[in-house]
């Protein structure tokens, strides 16, 4: 039986729910359940990311959001659906864009707005995988564990660790995590999610109301997501990554081989595996023998 609602971990589904002007009230509600009270959002606008050229592959599911809080503060939220491979490097790298784009021409005092980088993860960190915490807040600290810079915050949500059932949902943020994790499996709107904001979210997510070209785009996005997740998950399991260089390189090679076998171009294999272009070409040559 086909799903009634979209998978929010696909690029299409993620953008549909959180990356379009018509759904920005959903995004505001979600973020207000996560951000500190001092930065409760009153309004927001999306920053276009077209200027990033060949980085657009990743930026399909990364949004830079310019926010104004109820107390008048302005700050930036970068929301991304993080990928498993090199997630730390990716999130740190992409955090530099909303930081650098604040620079004014000419004389500038370097007074930056606060930046929150939020990653919704469909995987579990290798380190601490046996720990129950699914919400992680990371700041730049010194050797005494004191916050060195309080305007850059990384927030990671390990969705597979969120195990609450409907009757255990304590607050709005719990409801959002429950919605995101289970959306594709819902056949009807759960009683705890029957309010104005979630009923709108369900309407937006219902596949039956899509136009034919949207259905085609979603199915393509869903296939890509499932293929990539299978490739990465299988490669990491087979590689038995232990954090050592040998294990990491073996995993990269396995990912590369799987991507090449799936028909991906060299440039894409490089981006997703961590291998160099020379290594990818060598692998392809070996596989074609």
Protein backbone atom coordinates (compact mmCIF):
# COMPACT_ATOMS: atom_id res chain seq x y z
CA UNK A 1 0.00 0.00 0.00
CA UNK A 2 1.37 3.40 -0.96
CA UNK A 3 1.97 5.98 1.72
CA UNK A 4 -0.60 8.73 2.17
CA UNK A 5 1.96 11.33 3.26
CA UNK A 6 5.42 12.30 2.06
CA UNK A 7 8.70 11.22 3.58
CA UNK A 8 10.08 14.40 5.22
CA UNK A 9 13.67 13.16 4.95
CA UNK A 10 13.60 13.43 1.16
CA UNK A 11 14.80 16.71 -0.31
CA UNK A 12 11.35 17.26 -1.82
CA UNK A 13 9.49 16.48 1.40
CA UNK A 14 11.81 18.54 3.59
CA UNK A 15 11.47 21.58 1.33
CA UNK A 16 7.70 21.14 1.05
CA UNK A 17 7.26 21.23 4.82
CA UNK A 18 9.88 23.76 5.86
CA UNK A 19 11.34 25.53 2.81
CA UNK A 20 8.44 27.31 1.11
CA UNK A 21 6.84 30.66 1.85
CA UNK A 22 3.39 29.11 2.23
CA UNK A 23 4.63 26.87 5.04
CA UNK A 24 6.77 29.32 6.99
CA UNK A 25 4.29 29.33 9.89
CA UNK A 26 5.09 25.61 10.27
CA UNK A 27 8.79 26.41 10.39
CA UNK A 28 8.27 29.17 12.95
CA UNK A 29 6.29 26.82 15.18
CA UNK A 30 8.94 24.09 14.90
CA UNK A 31 11.87 26.43 15.60
CA UNK A 32 10.14 28.14 18.52
CA UNK A 33 9.94 24.78 20.23
CA UNK A 34 13.70 24.38 19.86
CA UNK A 35 15.30 27.82 20.24
CA UNK A 36 15.80 29.60 23.59
CA UNK A 37 12.96 31.91 24.74
CA UNK A 38 15.06 35.03 24.07
CA UNK A 39 14.98 34.17 20.38
CA UNK A 40 11.33 33.28 20.00
CA UNK A 41 10.62 34.05 16.35
CA UNK A 42 8.11 36.69 15.34
CA UNK A 43 8.81 36.57 11.60
CA UNK A 44 11.32 35.07 9.17
CA UNK A 45 12.39 35.17 5.55
CA UNK A 46 14.30 32.71 3.42
CA UNK A 47 17.70 33.61 2.03
CA UNK A 48 18.28 32.36 -1.52
CA UNK A 49 21.22 29.99 -1.91
CA UNK A 50 21.50 30.02 -5.72
CA UNK A 51 24.87 31.76 -5.58
CA UNK A 52 26.55 28.65 -4.24
CA UNK A 53 26.97 27.12 -7.69
CA UNK A 54 28.13 23.50 -7.64
CA UNK A 55 27.34 23.26 -3.94
CA UNK A 56 23.66 23.29 -4.83
CA UNK A 57 23.61 19.49 -4.64
CA UNK A 58 23.78 19.69 -0.85
CA UNK A 59 21.92 22.98 -0.54
CA UNK A 60 18.66 21.49 -1.81
CA UNK A 61 17.87 20.59 1.79
CA UNK A 62 19.65 23.42 3.58
CA UNK A 63 17.87 26.71 4.26
CA UNK A 64 19.35 29.94 5.55
CA UNK A 65 16.57 31.70 7.44
CA UNK A 66 16.74 35.32 8.56
CA UNK A 67 14.70 35.72 11.73
CA UNK A 68 13.38 38.50 13.91
CA UNK A 69 12.54 37.66 17.51
CA UNK A 70 9.68 39.10 19.49
CA UNK A 71 12.12 41.33 21.41
CA UNK A 72 13.46 42.81 18.16
CA UNK A 73 16.71 40.80 17.90
CA UNK A 74 17.73 39.64 14.45
CA UNK A 75 19.50 36.32 14.01
CA UNK A 76 20.03 33.57 11.45
CA UNK A 77 18.97 29.93 11.51
CA UNK A 78 20.51 27.43 9.12
CA UNK A 79 18.25 24.39 8.97
CA UNK A 80 19.52 21.28 7.27
CA UNK A 81 18.61 17.67 6.79
CA UNK A 82 22.12 16.36 7.43
CA UNK A 83 23.70 13.47 5.57
CA UNK A 84 25.50 10.70 7.37
CA UNK A 85 28.84 10.89 5.64
CA UNK A 86 31.09 13.62 7.09
CA UNK A 87 28.18 15.32 8.88
CA UNK A 88 30.48 17.29 11.20
CA UNK A 89 32.55 18.64 8.35
CA UNK A 90 29.42 19.49 6.36
CA UNK A 91 27.71 21.36 9.19
CA UNK A 92 30.84 23.33 10.12
CA UNK A 93 31.50 24.16 6.47
CA UNK A 94 27.97 25.35 5.78
CA UNK A 95 27.87 27.41 8.97
CA UNK A 96 30.50 29.67 7.41
CA UNK A 97 28.08 30.93 4.75
CA UNK A 98 25.56 32.72 7.01
CA UNK A 99 28.53 34.05 9.00
CA UNK A 100 30.53 35.43 6.07
CA UNK A 101 27.50 36.89 4.31
CA UNK A 102 27.02 39.31 7.20
CA UNK A 103 30.18 41.22 6.28
CA UNK A 104 29.53 44.83 5.25
CA UNK A 105 31.58 46.52 2.56
CA UNK A 106 34.08 49.10 3.68
CA UNK A 107 34.66 49.75 7.36
CA UNK A 108 32.95 47.12 9.48
CA UNK A 109 33.05 46.42 13.24
CA UNK A 110 32.59 42.62 12.95
CA UNK A 111 29.50 42.69 15.15
CA UNK A 112 27.88 39.44 14.02
CA UNK A 113 24.29 38.31 14.45
CA UNK A 114 23.74 35.02 16.26
CA UNK A 115 23.72 31.92 14.05
CA UNK A 116 22.00 28.64 14.89
CA UNK A 117 22.89 25.61 12.75
CA UNK A 118 20.22 22.94 13.18
CA UNK A 119 20.61 19.46 11.75
CA UNK A 120 17.73 16.98 11.59
CA UNK A 121 19.49 13.61 11.37
CA UNK A 122 18.02 10.32 10.15
CA UNK A 123 20.98 8.44 11.64
CA UNK A 124 22.71 7.99 15.00
CA UNK A 125 26.18 9.30 15.82
CA UNK A 126 28.77 6.54 15.99
CA UNK A 127 30.11 8.04 19.19
CA UNK A 128 27.55 7.86 21.99
CA UNK A 129 25.23 5.64 19.99
CA UNK A 130 24.25 3.72 23.12
CA UNK A 131 23.31 6.92 24.98
CA UNK A 132 19.60 7.86 25.07
CA UNK A 133 20.01 11.62 24.42
CA UNK A 134 18.74 12.58 20.97
CA UNK A 135 19.05 16.37 21.22
CA UNK A 136 22.57 17.83 21.25
CA UNK A 137 23.55 21.48 21.62
CA UNK A 138 27.16 22.34 20.77
CA UNK A 139 29.00 25.61 21.38
CA UNK A 140 32.61 26.75 21.04
CA UNK A 141 34.22 26.32 24.48
CA UNK A 142 37.66 26.75 26.04
CA UNK A 143 39.78 24.31 28.07
CA UNK A 144 37.73 25.10 31.20
CA UNK A 145 34.49 24.16 29.44
CA UNK A 146 33.40 27.81 29.40
CA UNK A 147 31.60 29.18 26.35
CA UNK A 148 34.15 31.14 24.34
CA UNK A 149 31.70 32.46 21.72
CA UNK A 150 27.96 32.43 22.33
CA UNK A 151 26.70 33.54 18.91
CA UNK A 152 27.32 30.23 17.08
CA UNK A 153 25.28 27.23 18.18
CA UNK A 154 25.04 23.81 16.55
CA UNK A 155 21.94 21.76 17.34
CA UNK A 156 21.69 18.14 16.23
CA UNK A 157 18.58 15.97 16.54
CA UNK A 158 19.15 12.21 16.21
CA UNK A 159 15.70 11.21 15.00
CA UNK A 160 16.10 7.40 15.31
CA UNK A 161 16.64 7.86 19.07
CA UNK A 162 13.32 9.67 19.50
CA UNK A 163 11.10 6.84 20.73
CA UNK A 164 8.17 8.62 22.38
CA UNK A 165 4.69 7.35 21.67
CA UNK A 166 1.68 9.59 21.09
CA UNK A 167 0.53 9.50 24.72
CA UNK A 168 4.02 10.51 25.89
CA UNK A 169 4.26 13.76 23.93
CA UNK A 170 4.84 16.49 26.52
CA UNK A 171 5.14 19.66 24.45
CA UNK A 172 5.00 21.19 20.97
CA UNK A 173 8.56 20.19 20.12
CA UNK A 174 7.85 16.56 21.03
CA UNK A 175 4.88 16.70 18.68
CA UNK A 176 7.05 17.98 15.84
CA UNK A 177 9.61 15.22 16.30
CA UNK A 178 6.82 12.63 16.46
CA UNK A 179 5.32 14.14 13.28
CA UNK A 180 8.63 14.18 11.38
CA UNK A 181 9.68 10.67 12.37
CA UNK A 182 6.33 8.97 11.66
CA UNK A 183 4.77 11.09 8.91
CA UNK A 184 5.28 8.61 6.08
CA UNK A 185 3.60 5.86 8.13
CA UNK A 186 0.53 7.81 9.24
CA UNK A 187 -2.82 6.85 7.71
CA UNK A 188 -4.74 9.50 9.64
CA UNK A 189 -4.01 12.47 11.91
CA UNK A 190 -3.27 11.33 15.50
CA UNK A 191 -5.48 12.86 18.19
CA UNK A 192 -2.55 14.67 19.86
CA UNK A 193 -1.74 16.42 16.55
CA UNK A 194 -5.22 17.71 15.84
CA UNK A 195 -4.66 21.44 15.97
CA UNK A 196 -4.45 24.21 13.40
CA UNK A 197 -0.71 24.06 12.73
CA UNK A 198 -0.43 20.28 12.36
CA UNK A 199 -3.61 19.95 10.34
CA UNK A 200 -2.03 22.37 7.87
CA UNK A 201 1.18 20.33 7.90
CA UNK A 202 -0.76 17.17 7.09
CA UNK A 203 -2.59 18.93 4.23
CA UNK A 204 0.71 20.09 2.75
CA UNK A 205 2.19 16.60 3.13
CA UNK A 206 -0.69 14.67 1.55
CA UNK A 207 0.49 13.16 -1.73
CA UNK A 208 -3.01 12.94 -3.22
CA UNK A 209 -3.21 16.74 -3.51
CA UNK A 210 0.02 17.00 -5.56
CA UNK A 211 -0.02 17.82 -9.25
CA UNK A 212 1.40 15.15 -11.62
CA UNK A 213 4.74 16.93 -11.97
CA UNK A 214 5.03 17.22 -8.18
CA UNK A 215 4.29 13.51 -7.75
CA UNK A 216 6.98 12.73 -10.29
CA UNK A 217 9.46 15.02 -8.53
CA UNK A 218 8.63 13.50 -5.16
CA UNK A 219 8.96 9.91 -6.36
CA UNK A 220 12.32 10.76 -7.91
CA UNK A 221 13.44 12.38 -4.64
CA UNK A 222 12.19 9.38 -2.64
CA UNK A 223 14.09 6.92 -4.84
CA UNK A 224 17.27 8.99 -4.53
CA UNK A 225 16.89 9.16 -0.74
CA UNK A 226 16.31 5.41 -0.38
CA UNK A 227 19.16 4.52 -2.73
CA UNK A 228 21.61 6.84 -0.99
CA UNK A 229 20.56 5.75 2.50
CA UNK A 230 20.97 2.11 1.53
CA UNK A 231 24.38 2.77 -0.02
CA UNK A 232 25.69 4.71 2.98
CA UNK A 233 24.14 2.45 5.65
CA UNK A 234 25.43 -0.71 3.99
CA UNK A 235 28.89 0.75 3.47
CA UNK A 236 29.26 1.90 7.07
CA UNK A 237 28.03 -1.44 8.44
CA UNK A 238 30.34 -3.47 6.21
CA UNK A 239 33.25 -1.16 6.87
CA UNK A 240 32.93 -1.56 10.66
CA UNK A 241 34.07 1.99 11.20
CA UNK A 242 36.02 2.36 14.42
CA UNK A 243 37.33 5.86 13.90
CA UNK A 244 40.72 4.59 12.73
CA UNK A 245 42.11 5.71 9.37
CA UNK A 246 41.98 2.21 7.90
CA UNK A 247 38.34 1.76 8.80
CA UNK A 248 37.47 5.24 7.45
CA UNK A 249 39.25 4.62 4.15
CA UNK A 250 37.63 1.20 3.76
CA UNK A 251 34.23 2.79 4.27
CA UNK A 252 35.00 5.51 1.72
CA UNK A 253 36.03 2.87 -0.83
CA UNK A 254 32.91 0.80 -0.22
CA UNK A 255 30.71 3.88 -0.58
CA UNK A 256 32.58 4.81 -3.77
CA UNK A 257 32.14 1.36 -5.28
CA UNK A 258 28.44 1.28 -4.45
CA UNK A 259 27.88 4.75 -5.91
CA UNK A 260 29.75 3.86 -9.11
CA UNK A 261 27.72 0.65 -9.40
CA UNK A 262 24.53 2.70 -9.02
CA UNK A 263 25.59 4.82 -12.02
CA UNK A 264 26.59 8.05 -10.27
CA UNK A 265 29.03 10.38 -12.05
CA UNK A 266 32.60 10.83 -10.78
CA UNK A 267 32.01 14.35 -9.43
CA UNK A 268 29.06 13.14 -7.35
CA UNK A 269 30.96 10.10 -6.08
CA UNK A 270 33.74 12.44 -4.90
CA UNK A 271 31.26 14.63 -3.00
CA UNK A 272 29.46 11.76 -1.29
CA UNK A 273 32.27 9.30 -0.58
CA UNK A 274 35.16 11.51 0.52
CA UNK A 275 37.48 9.94 -2.05
CA UNK A 276 39.63 12.04 -4.36
CA UNK A 277 38.84 12.26 -8.07
CA UNK A 278 41.94 10.18 -8.82
CA UNK A 279 40.79 7.47 -6.40
CA UNK A 280 37.29 7.43 -7.90
CA UNK A 281 38.65 7.08 -11.45
CA UNK A 282 40.91 4.24 -10.32
CA UNK A 283 37.97 2.47 -8.67
CA UNK A 284 35.84 2.89 -11.79
CA UNK A 285 38.62 1.45 -13.94
CA UNK A 286 38.95 -1.55 -11.64
CA UNK A 287 35.20 -2.19 -11.65
CA UNK A 288 35.04 -2.01 -15.46
CA UNK A 289 37.67 -4.72 -15.92
